[in-house]
Amino acid sequence: MTKARIKEIPEKQLETIGKISKLVKQLREEKKLSIERFCYQYRIPRITYGNLESGRFGFQITTLLTILSAHELTLGQFVKKLEEE
C-alpha cells in the first residue's frame, strides 16, 4: 500500500494562511494572553491553536469561528481585517 501524497498548497493559499495566522496571533496578543491562557480560557486545544497561529497546518472552520467568538468578531469582520492587512 502506498502512502497518499500530500498535494502542494498553491502559493496564494499559503499567503492567505499566513495572513490568517498573523491576524489570529495579533488578536490574542492584544488581549495580552499567552497561548496557554487563551486556549484554557476559551477551551481550544493548545496544539490546534498553536498550529493555526504558526500557519503550519490547515484548520477547521469551527476552530476559527471559536477563536473569532472569543474576540467578539464575526467572520465578515475578520475577513475585512484580513483585507486591511
N, C-alpha and C. Protein backbone atom coordinates (compact mmCIF):
# COMPACT_ATOMS: atom_id res chain seq x y z
N MET A 1 0.85 -1.17 0.00
CA MET A 1 0.00 0.00 0.00
C MET A 1 0.90 1.24 0.00
N THR A 2 0.66 2.13 -0.93
CA THR A 2 1.47 3.34 -0.99
C THR A 2 0.86 4.44 -0.14
N LYS A 3 1.72 5.28 0.38
CA LYS A 3 1.25 6.41 1.17
C LYS A 3 0.64 7.45 0.25
N ALA A 4 -0.43 8.06 0.72
CA ALA A 4 -1.07 9.12 -0.07
C ALA A 4 -0.12 10.32 -0.13
N ARG A 5 0.00 10.88 -1.29
CA ARG A 5 0.87 12.05 -1.46
C ARG A 5 0.11 13.30 -1.07
N ILE A 6 0.77 14.15 -0.35
CA ILE A 6 0.17 15.42 0.04
C ILE A 6 0.31 16.37 -1.13
N LYS A 7 -0.82 16.93 -1.53
CA LYS A 7 -0.79 17.89 -2.62
C LYS A 7 -0.07 19.15 -2.16
N GLU A 8 0.65 19.74 -3.08
CA GLU A 8 1.29 21.01 -2.77
C GLU A 8 0.22 22.08 -2.65
N ILE A 9 0.43 22.96 -1.71
CA ILE A 9 -0.52 24.05 -1.49
C ILE A 9 -0.12 25.20 -2.39
N PRO A 10 -1.07 25.72 -3.19
CA PRO A 10 -0.75 26.85 -4.06
C PRO A 10 -0.26 28.06 -3.27
N GLU A 11 0.64 28.81 -3.87
CA GLU A 11 1.26 29.97 -3.22
C GLU A 11 0.22 30.95 -2.67
N LYS A 12 -0.82 31.23 -3.42
CA LYS A 12 -1.86 32.18 -2.99
C LYS A 12 -2.52 31.69 -1.70
N GLN A 13 -2.78 30.38 -1.61
CA GLN A 13 -3.38 29.84 -0.40
C GLN A 13 -2.41 29.94 0.78
N LEU A 14 -1.13 29.71 0.53
CA LEU A 14 -0.13 29.85 1.60
C LEU A 14 -0.09 31.28 2.11
N GLU A 15 -0.20 32.24 1.21
CA GLU A 15 -0.22 33.65 1.61
C GLU A 15 -1.43 33.94 2.49
N THR A 16 -2.59 33.41 2.11
CA THR A 16 -3.81 33.63 2.88
C THR A 16 -3.70 32.99 4.26
N ILE A 17 -3.19 31.76 4.31
CA ILE A 17 -2.99 31.09 5.61
C ILE A 17 -2.05 31.90 6.48
N GLY A 18 -1.00 32.44 5.89
CA GLY A 18 -0.06 33.28 6.63
C GLY A 18 -0.73 34.52 7.19
N LYS A 19 -1.58 35.16 6.41
CA LYS A 19 -2.30 36.35 6.88
C LYS A 19 -3.26 36.01 8.02
N ILE A 20 -3.96 34.88 7.87
CA ILE A 20 -4.88 34.45 8.93
C ILE A 20 -4.10 34.19 10.22
N SER A 21 -2.99 33.47 10.11
CA SER A 21 -2.16 33.16 11.28
C SER A 21 -1.67 34.42 11.97
N LYS A 22 -1.20 35.35 11.17
CA LYS A 22 -0.67 36.61 11.72
C LYS A 22 -1.76 37.39 12.46
N LEU A 23 -2.95 37.46 11.86
CA LEU A 23 -4.04 38.21 12.48
C LEU A 23 -4.54 37.53 13.74
N VAL A 24 -4.64 36.20 13.72
CA VAL A 24 -5.07 35.46 14.92
C VAL A 24 -4.10 35.73 16.06
N LYS A 25 -2.81 35.70 15.77
CA LYS A 25 -1.80 35.97 16.80
C LYS A 25 -1.91 37.40 17.31
N GLN A 26 -2.08 38.33 16.40
CA GLN A 26 -2.21 39.74 16.78
C GLN A 26 -3.41 39.96 17.71
N LEU A 27 -4.53 39.35 17.38
CA LEU A 27 -5.72 39.49 18.22
C LEU A 27 -5.49 38.93 19.62
N ARG A 28 -4.82 37.78 19.69
CA ARG A 28 -4.53 37.20 21.02
C ARG A 28 -3.60 38.09 21.81
N GLU A 29 -2.57 38.61 21.15
CA GLU A 29 -1.61 39.48 21.84
C GLU A 29 -2.26 40.78 22.31
N GLU A 30 -3.25 41.27 21.57
CA GLU A 30 -3.98 42.47 22.01
C GLU A 30 -4.71 42.22 23.32
N LYS A 31 -5.10 40.98 23.55
CA LYS A 31 -5.75 40.60 24.81
C LYS A 31 -4.71 40.37 25.92
N LYS A 32 -3.44 40.44 25.53
CA LYS A 32 -2.33 40.22 26.47
C LYS A 32 -2.42 38.85 27.15
N LEU A 33 -2.72 37.83 26.34
CA LEU A 33 -2.82 36.47 26.83
C LEU A 33 -1.78 35.59 26.16
N SER A 34 -1.21 34.69 26.94
CA SER A 34 -0.32 33.68 26.37
C SER A 34 -1.19 32.69 25.59
N ILE A 35 -0.56 31.89 24.75
CA ILE A 35 -1.31 30.86 24.02
C ILE A 35 -1.98 29.93 25.03
N GLU A 36 -1.25 29.52 26.04
CA GLU A 36 -1.80 28.59 27.03
C GLU A 36 -3.03 29.17 27.72
N ARG A 37 -2.94 30.42 28.14
CA ARG A 37 -4.05 31.05 28.85
C ARG A 37 -5.26 31.24 27.93
N PHE A 38 -4.99 31.69 26.71
CA PHE A 38 -6.07 31.90 25.75
C PHE A 38 -6.80 30.58 25.50
N CYS A 39 -6.04 29.53 25.26
CA CYS A 39 -6.63 28.22 24.98
C CYS A 39 -7.42 27.68 26.16
N TYR A 40 -6.88 27.86 27.35
CA TYR A 40 -7.58 27.41 28.55
C TYR A 40 -8.89 28.18 28.72
N GLN A 41 -8.80 29.49 28.58
CA GLN A 41 -9.96 30.35 28.80
C GLN A 41 -11.08 30.09 27.79
N TYR A 42 -10.71 29.80 26.56
CA TYR A 42 -11.72 29.63 25.52
C TYR A 42 -11.89 28.17 25.07
N ARG A 43 -11.28 27.25 25.81
CA ARG A 43 -11.43 25.80 25.60
C ARG A 43 -11.09 25.37 24.17
N ILE A 44 -9.91 25.80 23.74
CA ILE A 44 -9.39 25.43 22.43
C ILE A 44 -8.15 24.58 22.68
N PRO A 45 -8.02 23.43 22.04
CA PRO A 45 -6.81 22.62 22.23
C PRO A 45 -5.56 23.43 21.87
N ARG A 46 -4.59 23.45 22.78
CA ARG A 46 -3.40 24.28 22.61
C ARG A 46 -2.63 23.93 21.34
N ILE A 47 -2.49 22.65 21.07
CA ILE A 47 -1.73 22.25 19.88
C ILE A 47 -2.44 22.72 18.62
N THR A 48 -3.75 22.56 18.58
CA THR A 48 -4.53 23.02 17.44
C THR A 48 -4.36 24.51 17.24
N TYR A 49 -4.47 25.26 18.34
CA TYR A 49 -4.34 26.71 18.25
C TYR A 49 -2.92 27.11 17.84
N GLY A 50 -1.95 26.49 18.45
CA GLY A 50 -0.55 26.80 18.13
C GLY A 50 -0.24 26.54 16.66
N ASN A 51 -0.77 25.45 16.13
CA ASN A 51 -0.57 25.15 14.72
C ASN A 51 -1.24 26.21 13.84
N LEU A 52 -2.44 26.62 14.21
CA LEU A 52 -3.14 27.64 13.44
C LEU A 52 -2.35 28.95 13.46
N GLU A 53 -1.93 29.35 14.65
CA GLU A 53 -1.22 30.62 14.80
C GLU A 53 0.13 30.61 14.07
N SER A 54 0.76 29.46 14.00
CA SER A 54 2.05 29.38 13.32
C SER A 54 1.92 29.13 11.82
N GLY A 55 0.71 28.79 11.37
CA GLY A 55 0.48 28.55 9.95
C GLY A 55 1.01 27.22 9.47
N ARG A 56 1.34 26.31 10.38
CA ARG A 56 1.92 25.03 9.99
C ARG A 56 0.92 24.06 9.37
N PHE A 57 -0.31 24.13 9.76
CA PHE A 57 -1.31 23.18 9.29
C PHE A 57 -2.59 23.91 8.94
N GLY A 58 -3.42 23.25 8.14
CA GLY A 58 -4.76 23.77 7.90
C GLY A 58 -5.56 23.68 9.19
N PHE A 59 -6.73 24.20 9.17
CA PHE A 59 -7.55 24.20 10.38
C PHE A 59 -9.01 24.07 9.99
N GLN A 60 -9.82 23.70 10.95
CA GLN A 60 -11.25 23.60 10.71
C GLN A 60 -11.89 24.96 10.89
N ILE A 61 -12.92 25.22 10.12
CA ILE A 61 -13.62 26.49 10.22
C ILE A 61 -14.24 26.66 11.61
N THR A 62 -14.64 25.55 12.24
CA THR A 62 -15.21 25.66 13.58
C THR A 62 -14.19 26.18 14.58
N THR A 63 -12.93 25.81 14.41
CA THR A 63 -11.87 26.33 15.28
C THR A 63 -11.72 27.83 15.09
N LEU A 64 -11.69 28.26 13.84
CA LEU A 64 -11.58 29.70 13.56
C LEU A 64 -12.78 30.45 14.13
N LEU A 65 -13.98 29.90 13.96
CA LEU A 65 -15.17 30.57 14.48
C LEU A 65 -15.15 30.67 16.01
N THR A 66 -14.63 29.66 16.68
CA THR A 66 -14.49 29.71 18.14
C THR A 66 -13.53 30.82 18.54
N ILE A 67 -12.43 30.93 17.82
CA ILE A 67 -11.44 31.98 18.10
C ILE A 67 -12.06 33.35 17.86
N LEU A 68 -12.77 33.49 16.76
CA LEU A 68 -13.39 34.77 16.45
C LEU A 68 -14.43 35.15 17.50
N SER A 69 -15.16 34.16 17.97
CA SER A 69 -16.14 34.41 19.03
C SER A 69 -15.46 34.93 20.29
N ALA A 70 -14.30 34.39 20.62
CA ALA A 70 -13.55 34.85 21.79
C ALA A 70 -13.15 36.32 21.65
N HIS A 71 -12.98 36.75 20.41
CA HIS A 71 -12.60 38.15 20.14
C HIS A 71 -13.81 39.01 19.78
N GLU A 72 -15.00 38.41 19.91
CA GLU A 72 -16.25 39.09 19.59
C GLU A 72 -16.24 39.65 18.16
N LEU A 73 -15.77 38.82 17.23
CA LEU A 73 -15.73 39.18 15.81
C LEU A 73 -16.57 38.21 15.00
N THR A 74 -17.23 38.72 13.99
CA THR A 74 -17.91 37.86 13.04
C THR A 74 -16.88 37.45 11.98
N LEU A 75 -17.23 36.44 11.20
CA LEU A 75 -16.35 36.04 10.11
C LEU A 75 -16.17 37.19 9.13
N GLY A 76 -17.25 37.92 8.86
CA GLY A 76 -17.17 39.07 7.96
C GLY A 76 -16.22 40.14 8.47
N GLN A 77 -16.27 40.43 9.76
CA GLN A 77 -15.37 41.42 10.35
C GLN A 77 -13.92 40.97 10.26
N PHE A 78 -13.71 39.68 10.47
CA PHE A 78 -12.37 39.12 10.40
C PHE A 78 -11.82 39.23 8.98
N VAL A 79 -12.64 38.89 8.01
CA VAL A 79 -12.21 38.97 6.61
C VAL A 79 -11.88 40.42 6.26
N LYS A 80 -12.67 41.36 6.74
CA LYS A 80 -12.40 42.77 6.48
C LYS A 80 -11.03 43.16 7.06
N LYS A 81 -10.75 42.70 8.28
CA LYS A 81 -9.45 42.98 8.89
C LYS A 81 -8.32 42.36 8.06
N LEU A 82 -8.55 41.16 7.54
CA LEU A 82 -7.55 40.50 6.70
C LEU A 82 -7.26 41.34 5.46
N GLU A 83 -8.29 41.86 4.87
CA GLU A 83 -8.13 42.67 3.67
C GLU A 83 -7.41 43.97 3.93
N GLU A 84 -7.50 44.47 5.17
CA GLU A 84 -6.82 45.71 5.55
C GLU A 84 -5.33 45.49 5.76
N GLU A 85 -4.94 44.25 5.99
CA GLU A 85 -3.52 43.93 6.24
C GLU A 85 -2.70 44.10 5.00
